[in-house]
Amino acid sequence: FLRSASCRGRESFGDACSSPGQDTTYMLSTCSQELKLGVTPVEYPFVKRRDNLPDPKEKEKPIGLWSTIKDNIGKDLSGVCLPVYFNEPLSSLQKCFEDLEYSYLVDRALEWG
């Protein structure tokens, strides 16, 4: 593809692109043969762009832990589906401490080999 693109440039500029000593009639004939081999223009699909932003969606109301427990009084809580964020740490200090919480067990395992 690069050769046929460069040939189109040579056809439009004539002798300006050819170096001295090259046969321009031979070059034009080979370029015209390469153009007949199937170089087709690329047609890009039409893309409709949006004019405005979509309407904002209401955020889901967070489910509180106490309201979930209150709704399930007397039920077996092991069968109740709870959101994942109930088990996530509350602060960055708690996140940092989780890495060190059982470090003594790792140290003991290292000693025992």
C-alpha atoms as a PDB file:
ATOM      1  CA  PHE A   1       0.000   0.000   0.000  1.00  0.00           C
ATOM      2  CA  LEU A   2       2.835   2.394   0.663  1.00  0.00           C
ATOM      3  CA  ARG A   3       4.196   1.955  -2.856  1.00  0.00           C
ATOM      4  CA  SER A   4       0.873   2.721  -4.524  1.00  0.00           C
ATOM      5  CA  ALA A   5       0.395   5.778  -2.322  1.00  0.00           C
ATOM      6  CA  SER A   6       3.836   7.052  -3.254  1.00  0.00           C
ATOM      7  CA  CYS A   7       3.071   6.443  -6.938  1.00  0.00           C
ATOM      8  CA  ARG A   8      -0.022   8.599  -6.743  1.00  0.00           C
ATOM      9  CA  GLY A   9       2.158  11.363  -5.377  1.00  0.00           C
ATOM     10  CA  ARG A  10       4.615  10.926  -8.251  1.00  0.00           C
ATOM     11  CA  GLU A  11       1.845  11.081 -10.836  1.00  0.00           C
ATOM     12  CA  SER A  12       0.555  14.353  -9.475  1.00  0.00           C
ATOM     13  CA  PHE A  13       4.001  15.951  -9.203  1.00  0.00           C
ATOM     14  CA  GLY A  14       5.463  14.633 -12.462  1.00  0.00           C
ATOM     15  CA  ASP A  15       9.266  14.689 -12.531  1.00  0.00           C
ATOM     16  CA  ALA A  16       9.610  16.458  -9.188  1.00  0.00           C
ATOM     17  CA  CYS A  17       9.524  13.209  -7.186  1.00  0.00           C
ATOM     18  CA  SER A  18      11.628  11.093  -9.508  1.00  0.00           C
ATOM     19  CA  SER A  19      15.340  11.076  -8.997  1.00  0.00           C
ATOM     20  CA  PRO A  20      17.668  11.771 -11.924  1.00  0.00           C
ATOM     21  CA  GLY A  21      18.446   8.728 -14.001  1.00  0.00           C
ATOM     22  CA  GLN A  22      15.064   6.982 -13.547  1.00  0.00           C
ATOM     23  CA  ASP A  23      12.801   6.295 -16.491  1.00  0.00           C
ATOM     24  CA  THR A  24       9.591   8.219 -15.747  1.00  0.00           C
ATOM     25  CA  THR A  25       7.505   6.425 -18.400  1.00  0.00           C
ATOM     26  CA  TYR A  26       8.355   3.056 -16.806  1.00  0.00           C
ATOM     27  CA  MET A  27       7.510   4.410 -13.371  1.00  0.00           C
ATOM     28  CA  LEU A  28       4.163   5.822 -14.516  1.00  0.00           C
ATOM     29  CA  SER A  29       3.224   2.563 -16.209  1.00  0.00           C
ATOM     30  CA  THR A  30       4.026   0.507 -13.094  1.00  0.00           C
ATOM     31  CA  CYS A  31       2.134   2.985 -10.918  1.00  0.00           C
ATOM     32  CA  SER A  32      -0.947   2.795 -13.113  1.00  0.00           C
ATOM     33  CA  GLN A  33      -0.775  -1.018 -12.968  1.00  0.00           C
ATOM     34  CA  GLU A  34      -0.557  -0.913  -9.168  1.00  0.00           C
ATOM     35  CA  LEU A  35      -3.541   1.426  -8.983  1.00  0.00           C
ATOM     36  CA  LYS A  36      -5.628  -1.029 -11.011  1.00  0.00           C
ATOM     37  CA  LEU A  37      -4.850  -3.845  -8.539  1.00  0.00           C
ATOM     38  CA  GLY A  38      -7.485  -2.786  -6.054  1.00  0.00           C
ATOM     39  CA  VAL A  39      -6.574   0.328  -4.137  1.00  0.00           C
ATOM     40  CA  THR A  40      -9.981   1.510  -2.967  1.00  0.00           C
ATOM     41  CA  PRO A  41     -10.820   4.605  -0.973  1.00  0.00           C
ATOM     42  CA  VAL A  42     -11.796   4.037   2.658  1.00  0.00           C
ATOM     43  CA  GLU A  43     -15.354   4.996   3.520  1.00  0.00           C
ATOM     44  CA  TYR A  44     -15.879   5.676   7.202  1.00  0.00           C
ATOM     45  CA  PRO A  45     -19.291   4.937   8.752  1.00  0.00           C
ATOM     46  CA  PHE A  46     -21.522   7.809   9.763  1.00  0.00           C
ATOM     47  CA  VAL A  47     -21.471   8.297  13.528  1.00  0.00           C
ATOM     48  CA  LYS A  48     -24.273  10.306  15.088  1.00  0.00           C
ATOM     49  CA  ARG A  49     -22.924  12.366  17.956  1.00  0.00           C
ATOM     50  CA  ARG A  50     -25.123  13.240  20.896  1.00  0.00           C
ATOM     51  CA  ASP A  51     -26.210  16.848  21.351  1.00  0.00           C
ATOM     52  CA  ASN A  52     -26.722  16.795  25.107  1.00  0.00           C
ATOM     53  CA  LEU A  53     -25.878  14.716  28.145  1.00  0.00           C
ATOM     54  CA  PRO A  54     -28.329  12.084  29.370  1.00  0.00           C
ATOM     55  CA  ASP A  55     -30.599  12.899  32.276  1.00  0.00           C
ATOM     56  CA  PRO A  56     -28.931  12.263  35.637  1.00  0.00           C
ATOM     57  CA  LYS A  57     -30.107   9.126  37.378  1.00  0.00           C
ATOM     58  CA  GLU A  58     -31.064   9.157  41.007  1.00  0.00           C
ATOM     59  CA  LYS A  59     -28.537   7.440  43.212  1.00  0.00           C
ATOM     60  CA  GLU A  60     -29.728   4.338  44.954  1.00  0.00           C
ATOM     61  CA  LYS A  61     -30.531   4.940  48.573  1.00  0.00           C
ATOM     62  CA  PRO A  62     -27.910   3.235  50.721  1.00  0.00           C
ATOM     63  CA  ILE A  63     -29.187   0.351  52.761  1.00  0.00           C
ATOM     64  CA  GLY A  64     -28.343   0.759  56.421  1.00  0.00           C
ATOM     65  CA  LEU A  65     -27.096  -2.128  58.496  1.00  0.00           C
ATOM     66  CA  TRP A  66     -29.527  -1.438  61.324  1.00  0.00           C
ATOM     67  CA  SER A  67     -32.546  -1.217  59.026  1.00  0.00           C
ATOM     68  CA  THR A  68     -31.584  -4.563  57.492  1.00  0.00           C
ATOM     69  CA  ILE A  69     -31.233  -6.175  60.913  1.00  0.00           C
ATOM     70  CA  LYS A  70     -34.495  -4.571  62.091  1.00  0.00           C
ATOM     71  CA  ASP A  71     -36.364  -5.959  59.067  1.00  0.00           C
ATOM     72  CA  ASN A  72     -35.009  -9.438  59.737  1.00  0.00           C
ATOM     73  CA  ILE A  73     -35.667  -9.748  63.487  1.00  0.00           C
ATOM     74  CA  GLY A  74     -36.381 -13.348  64.367  1.00  0.00           C
ATOM     75  CA  LYS A  75     -34.954 -14.679  61.107  1.00  0.00           C
ATOM     76  CA  ASP A  76     -31.765 -16.609  60.599  1.00  0.00           C
ATOM     77  CA  LEU A  77     -29.261 -13.920  59.525  1.00  0.00           C
ATOM     78  CA  SER A  78     -27.038 -16.472  57.787  1.00  0.00           C
ATOM     79  CA  GLY A  79     -29.636 -16.702  55.020  1.00  0.00           C
ATOM     80  CA  VAL A  80     -30.027 -12.938  54.591  1.00  0.00           C
ATOM     81  CA  CYS A  81     -28.201 -11.391  51.643  1.00  0.00           C
ATOM     82  CA  LEU A  82     -26.184  -8.388  52.772  1.00  0.00           C
ATOM     83  CA  PRO A  83     -24.425  -5.886  50.512  1.00  0.00           C
ATOM     84  CA  VAL A  84     -20.663  -6.331  50.193  1.00  0.00           C
ATOM     85  CA  TYR A  85     -19.836  -2.889  51.557  1.00  0.00           C
ATOM     86  CA  PHE A  86     -21.062  -3.958  55.014  1.00  0.00           C
ATOM     87  CA  ASN A  87     -17.849  -5.970  55.393  1.00  0.00           C
ATOM     88  CA  GLU A  88     -15.502  -3.331  53.979  1.00  0.00           C
ATOM     89  CA  PRO A  89     -13.269  -1.299  56.326  1.00  0.00           C
ATOM     90  CA  LEU A  90     -14.656   2.003  57.561  1.00  0.00           C
ATOM     91  CA  SER A  91     -11.484   4.105  57.526  1.00  0.00           C
ATOM     92  CA  SER A  92      -7.995   4.126  56.051  1.00  0.00           C
ATOM     93  CA  LEU A  93      -6.598   3.243  59.491  1.00  0.00           C
ATOM     94  CA  GLN A  94      -8.741   0.128  59.559  1.00  0.00           C
ATOM     95  CA  LYS A  95      -7.608  -0.731  56.008  1.00  0.00           C
ATOM     96  CA  CYS A  96      -3.945  -0.413  57.007  1.00  0.00           C
ATOM     97  CA  PHE A  97      -4.439  -2.460  60.156  1.00  0.00           C
ATOM     98  CA  GLU A  98      -6.032  -5.365  58.282  1.00  0.00           C
ATOM     99  CA  ASP A  99      -2.654  -6.087  56.654  1.00  0.00           C
ATOM    100  CA  LEU A 100      -0.968  -6.303  60.060  1.00  0.00           C
ATOM    101  CA  GLU A 101      -3.785  -7.981  61.986  1.00  0.00           C
ATOM    102  CA  TYR A 102      -2.440 -11.529  61.709  1.00  0.00           C
ATOM    103  CA  SER A 103       1.217 -10.736  61.013  1.00  0.00           C
ATOM    104  CA  TYR A 104       2.270 -12.595  64.179  1.00  0.00           C
ATOM    105  CA  LEU A 105       0.935 -15.814  62.630  1.00  0.00           C
ATOM    106  CA  VAL A 106       3.025 -15.230  59.515  1.00  0.00           C
ATOM    107  CA  ASP A 107       6.096 -14.619  61.691  1.00  0.00           C
ATOM    108  CA  ARG A 108       5.444 -17.816  63.659  1.00  0.00           C
ATOM    109  CA  ALA A 109       5.013 -19.820  60.444  1.00  0.00           C
ATOM    110  CA  LEU A 110       8.319 -18.434  59.189  1.00  0.00           C
ATOM    111  CA  GLU A 111      10.086 -19.550  62.383  1.00  0.00           C
ATOM    112  CA  TRP A 112       8.676 -23.074  62.176  1.00  0.00           C
ATOM    113  CA  GLY A 113       9.732 -23.337  58.521  1.00  0.00           C
END
